[in-house]
C-alpha atoms as a PDB file:
ATOM      1  CA  MET A   1     -19.798 -22.509  25.218  1.00  0.00           C
ATOM      2  CA  PRO A   2     -20.274 -23.200  29.152  1.00  0.00           C
ATOM      3  CA  GLN A   3     -23.540 -22.632  30.456  1.00  0.00           C
ATOM      4  CA  TYR A   4     -23.985 -22.607  34.493  1.00  0.00           C
ATOM      5  CA  ARG A   5     -26.951 -23.248  36.332  1.00  0.00           C
ATOM      6  CA  ILE A   6     -28.426 -20.471  38.679  1.00  0.00           C
ATOM      7  CA  SER A   7     -26.692 -22.244  41.946  1.00  0.00           C
ATOM      8  CA  GLU A   8     -23.714 -22.210  40.189  1.00  0.00           C
ATOM      9  CA  ALA A   9     -23.754 -18.681  39.119  1.00  0.00           C
ATOM     10  CA  ALA A  10     -24.303 -18.047  42.725  1.00  0.00           C
ATOM     11  CA  ARG A  11     -21.422 -19.613  44.194  1.00  0.00           C
ATOM     12  CA  LEU A  12     -18.732 -18.609  41.820  1.00  0.00           C
ATOM     13  CA  LEU A  13     -20.266 -14.808  42.353  1.00  0.00           C
ATOM     14  CA  GLY A  14     -20.475 -15.430  45.914  1.00  0.00           C
ATOM     15  CA  VAL A  15     -24.080 -14.399  46.034  1.00  0.00           C
ATOM     16  CA  SER A  16     -27.658 -16.402  46.877  1.00  0.00           C
ATOM     17  CA  ASP A  17     -29.322 -17.728  44.148  1.00  0.00           C
ATOM     18  CA  ASP A  18     -31.890 -15.765  44.798  1.00  0.00           C
ATOM     19  CA  THR A  19     -29.448 -11.971  44.136  1.00  0.00           C
ATOM     20  CA  ILE A  20     -28.878 -14.118  40.841  1.00  0.00           C
ATOM     21  CA  ARG A  21     -32.140 -14.694  40.172  1.00  0.00           C
ATOM     22  CA  ARG A  22     -33.086 -11.116  40.590  1.00  0.00           C
ATOM     23  CA  HIS A  23     -30.489 -10.195  38.025  1.00  0.00           C
ATOM     24  CA  VAL A  24     -32.066 -12.176  35.416  1.00  0.00           C
ATOM     25  CA  GLU A  25     -35.478 -10.242  36.740  1.00  0.00           C
ATOM     26  CA  ALA A  26     -33.860  -7.250  36.199  1.00  0.00           C
ATOM     27  CA  GLY A  27     -32.688  -7.729  33.201  1.00  0.00           C
ATOM     28  CA  GLY A  28     -28.679  -7.593  34.143  1.00  0.00           C
ATOM     29  CA  LEU A  29     -28.554 -10.947  33.087  1.00  0.00           C
ATOM     30  CA  SER A  30     -29.994 -13.356  30.619  1.00  0.00           C
ATOM     31  CA  ALA A  31     -31.217 -16.795  31.746  1.00  0.00           C
ATOM     32  CA  VAL A  32     -32.549 -19.760  29.295  1.00  0.00           C
ATOM     33  CA  LYS A  33     -34.151 -23.508  29.814  1.00  0.00           C
ATOM     34  CA  ASP A  34     -31.769 -26.001  28.799  1.00  0.00           C
ATOM     35  CA  ARG A  35     -32.544 -29.230  27.768  1.00  0.00           C
ATOM     36  CA  VAL A  36     -33.656 -30.819  31.350  1.00  0.00           C
ATOM     37  CA  ASN A  37     -36.176 -27.402  31.298  1.00  0.00           C
ATOM     38  CA  ARG A  38     -33.450 -25.673  34.034  1.00  0.00           C
ATOM     39  CA  TYR A  39     -32.379 -21.827  33.851  1.00  0.00           C
ATOM     40  CA  VAL A  40     -28.943 -21.768  32.803  1.00  0.00           C
ATOM     41  CA  ILE A  41     -26.567 -18.609  32.413  1.00  0.00           C
ATOM     42  CA  ASP A  42     -24.126 -18.246  29.067  1.00  0.00           C
ATOM     43  CA  GLY A  43     -20.814 -18.897  30.413  1.00  0.00           C
ATOM     44  CA  GLU A  44     -19.525 -15.545  28.586  1.00  0.00           C
ATOM     45  CA  GLU A  45     -22.134 -13.352  29.652  1.00  0.00           C
ATOM     46  CA  LEU A  46     -21.494 -14.650  33.551  1.00  0.00           C
ATOM     47  CA  ALA A  47     -17.908 -13.713  33.273  1.00  0.00           C
ATOM     48  CA  GLU A  48     -18.679 -10.057  32.118  1.00  0.00           C
ATOM     49  CA  PHE A  49     -21.098  -9.346  34.464  1.00  0.00           C
ATOM     50  CA  ALA A  50     -18.656 -10.716  36.914  1.00  0.00           C
ATOM     51  CA  ARG A  51     -16.279  -8.797  35.736  1.00  0.00           C
ATOM     52  CA  ARG A  52     -18.665  -5.431  36.056  1.00  0.00           C
ATOM     53  CA  GLN A  53     -19.657  -6.129  39.588  1.00  0.00           C
ATOM     54  CA  GLY A  54     -16.060  -7.159  40.884  1.00  0.00           C
ATOM     55  CA  GLU A  55     -14.495  -3.668  39.823  1.00  0.00           C
ATOM     56  CA  THR A  56     -13.035  -2.488  43.160  1.00  0.00           C
ATOM     57  CA  ALA A  57     -13.008   0.749  44.506  1.00  0.00           C
ATOM     58  CA  PRO A  58     -10.726   3.418  42.821  1.00  0.00           C
ATOM     59  CA  ASP A  59      -6.788   3.524  43.381  1.00  0.00           C
ATOM     60  CA  PRO A  60      -6.830   6.635  45.699  1.00  0.00           C
ATOM     61  CA  THR A  61      -2.685   6.821  44.884  1.00  0.00           C
ATOM     62  CA  SER A  62      -1.587   8.471  41.999  1.00  0.00           C
ATOM     63  CA  VAL A  63       1.491   7.074  41.690  1.00  0.00           C
ATOM     64  CA  GLY A  64       2.395   5.165  38.407  1.00  0.00           C
ATOM     65  CA  ARG A  65       3.510   1.704  38.674  1.00  0.00           C
ATOM     66  CA  SER A  66       4.241  -1.022  36.040  1.00  0.00           C
ATOM     67  CA  ALA A  67       2.113  -3.727  37.713  1.00  0.00           C
ATOM     68  CA  ARG A  68      -1.271  -3.966  37.030  1.00  0.00           C
ATOM     69  CA  ASN A  69      -2.332  -6.386  39.810  1.00  0.00           C
ATOM     70  CA  ARG A  70      -3.840  -3.807  42.238  1.00  0.00           C
ATOM     71  CA  LEU A  71      -6.730  -4.724  44.555  1.00  0.00           C
ATOM     72  CA  VAL A  72      -7.933  -1.739  46.936  1.00  0.00           C
ATOM     73  CA  GLY A  73      -9.328  -2.979  49.794  1.00  0.00           C
ATOM     74  CA  LEU A  74      -9.256  -3.139  53.779  1.00  0.00           C
ATOM     75  CA  VAL A  75      -6.990  -4.683  56.310  1.00  0.00           C
ATOM     76  CA  THR A  76      -8.973  -6.949  58.178  1.00  0.00           C
ATOM     77  CA  SER A  77      -6.361  -8.768  60.192  1.00  0.00           C
ATOM     78  CA  ILE A  78      -2.506  -8.297  61.384  1.00  0.00           C
ATOM     79  CA  VAL A  79      -0.526 -11.194  63.043  1.00  0.00           C
ATOM     80  CA  VAL A  80       2.674  -9.324  63.824  1.00  0.00           C
ATOM     81  CA  ASP A  81       5.791 -10.669  65.717  1.00  0.00           C
ATOM     82  CA  LYS A  82       9.756  -8.995  66.217  1.00  0.00           C
ATOM     83  CA  VAL A  83      10.452  -9.774  62.630  1.00  0.00           C
ATOM     84  CA  MET A  84       7.511 -10.674  60.597  1.00  0.00           C
ATOM     85  CA  ALA A  85       3.754  -9.816  60.235  1.00  0.00           C
ATOM     86  CA  GLN A  86       1.271 -11.389  58.316  1.00  0.00           C
ATOM     87  CA  VAL A  87      -1.399  -8.772  56.970  1.00  0.00           C
ATOM     88  CA  GLU A  88      -5.155  -9.759  55.450  1.00  0.00           C
ATOM     89  CA  ILE A  89      -6.616  -7.384  52.948  1.00  0.00           C
ATOM     90  CA  GLN A  90     -10.369  -7.984  51.838  1.00  0.00           C
ATOM     91  CA  CYS A  91     -10.427  -6.711  48.869  1.00  0.00           C
ATOM     92  CA  GLY A  92     -14.078  -7.228  47.398  1.00  0.00           C
ATOM     93  CA  GLN A  93     -15.247 -10.763  47.698  1.00  0.00           C
ATOM     94  CA  ASP A  94     -11.249 -11.836  47.452  1.00  0.00           C
ATOM     95  CA  ARG A  95      -8.882 -12.053  50.454  1.00  0.00           C
ATOM     96  CA  VAL A  96      -5.051 -11.244  49.699  1.00  0.00           C
ATOM     97  CA  VAL A  97      -2.526 -12.401  52.464  1.00  0.00           C
ATOM     98  CA  SER A  98       1.073 -10.445  52.214  1.00  0.00           C
ATOM     99  CA  LEU A  99       3.754 -11.248  54.353  1.00  0.00           C
ATOM    100  CA  MET A 100       6.192  -8.117  55.230  1.00  0.00           C
ATOM    101  CA  SER A 101       8.429  -6.989  57.794  1.00  0.00           C
ATOM    102  CA  ALA A 102       7.013  -5.657  60.946  1.00  0.00           C
ATOM    103  CA  GLU A 103       8.686  -2.429  60.690  1.00  0.00           C
ATOM    104  CA  ALA A 104       6.885  -2.572  56.928  1.00  0.00           C
ATOM    105  CA  VAL A 105       3.538  -2.670  59.038  1.00  0.00           C
ATOM    106  CA  LYS A 106       4.663   0.274  61.605  1.00  0.00           C
ATOM    107  CA  ASP A 107       5.900   3.014  58.490  1.00  0.00           C
ATOM    108  CA  LEU A 108       2.411   1.988  56.754  1.00  0.00           C
ATOM    109  CA  GLY A 109       0.411   2.677  59.793  1.00  0.00           C
ATOM    110  CA  LEU A 110      -1.568  -0.589  58.783  1.00  0.00           C
ATOM    111  CA  GLU A 111      -4.366  -1.906  61.224  1.00  0.00           C
ATOM    112  CA  PRO A 112      -7.731  -3.290  61.065  1.00  0.00           C
ATOM    113  CA  GLY A 113      -9.636  -1.090  59.222  1.00  0.00           C
ATOM    114  CA  SER A 114      -7.043   0.940  57.391  1.00  0.00           C
ATOM    115  CA  LEU A 115      -7.151   1.074  53.556  1.00  0.00           C
ATOM    116  CA  ALA A 116      -4.630  -0.706  52.041  1.00  0.00           C
ATOM    117  CA  ILE A 117      -3.774  -1.609  47.891  1.00  0.00           C
ATOM    118  CA  ALA A 118      -2.176  -4.763  47.255  1.00  0.00           C
ATOM    119  CA  VAL A 119      -0.162  -4.591  44.134  1.00  0.00           C
ATOM    120  CA  ILE A 120       0.462  -7.973  42.919  1.00  0.00           C
ATOM    121  CA  LYS A 121       3.460  -8.404  40.777  1.00  0.00           C
ATOM    122  CA  ALA A 122       4.463 -12.435  39.325  1.00  0.00           C
ATOM    123  CA  THR A 123       5.866 -13.903  36.367  1.00  0.00           C
ATOM    124  CA  THR A 124       4.047 -16.696  36.550  1.00  0.00           C
ATOM    125  CA  VAL A 125       0.703 -16.984  37.032  1.00  0.00           C
ATOM    126  CA  ILE A 126      -0.915 -20.659  37.238  1.00  0.00           C
ATOM    127  CA  VAL A 127      -4.317 -21.153  35.527  1.00  0.00           C
ATOM    128  CA  GLU A 128      -6.348 -24.370  36.496  1.00  0.00           C
ATOM    129  CA  THR A 129      -9.556 -25.946  35.431  1.00  0.00           C
ATOM    130  CA  PRO A 130     -11.727 -28.307  36.912  1.00  0.00           C
ATOM    131  CA  ASN A 131     -11.638 -31.870  35.549  1.00  0.00           C
ATOM    132  CA  ALA A 132     -14.102 -32.367  32.375  1.00  0.00           C
END
């Protein structure tokens, strides 16, 4: 079973070491000492904690869709030319970039600060792991 040091857990969750320590002290995460006397967190527990912490804002629409990968966030940047646009959306700790027509940006009324939902439908998802 994988275990992560406090600093590794912090890096994975995009927070400071002190934030992870506060979660441990508050009982939100459990840490035990490993064989070299460093505090570590069980990987499965960290994954469940990350899932709970990573819950995004509720989808404000009532539209049914087959796509399950829906990320609610704020538009942070739009680069547009005559035909195409690049739209960046910050969804919690994740940044999503979409390429769309300039006309779609206008029709959707997108601008920095707009609420947006990134809907991702893919037949291929590549999963990587670090070298052991």
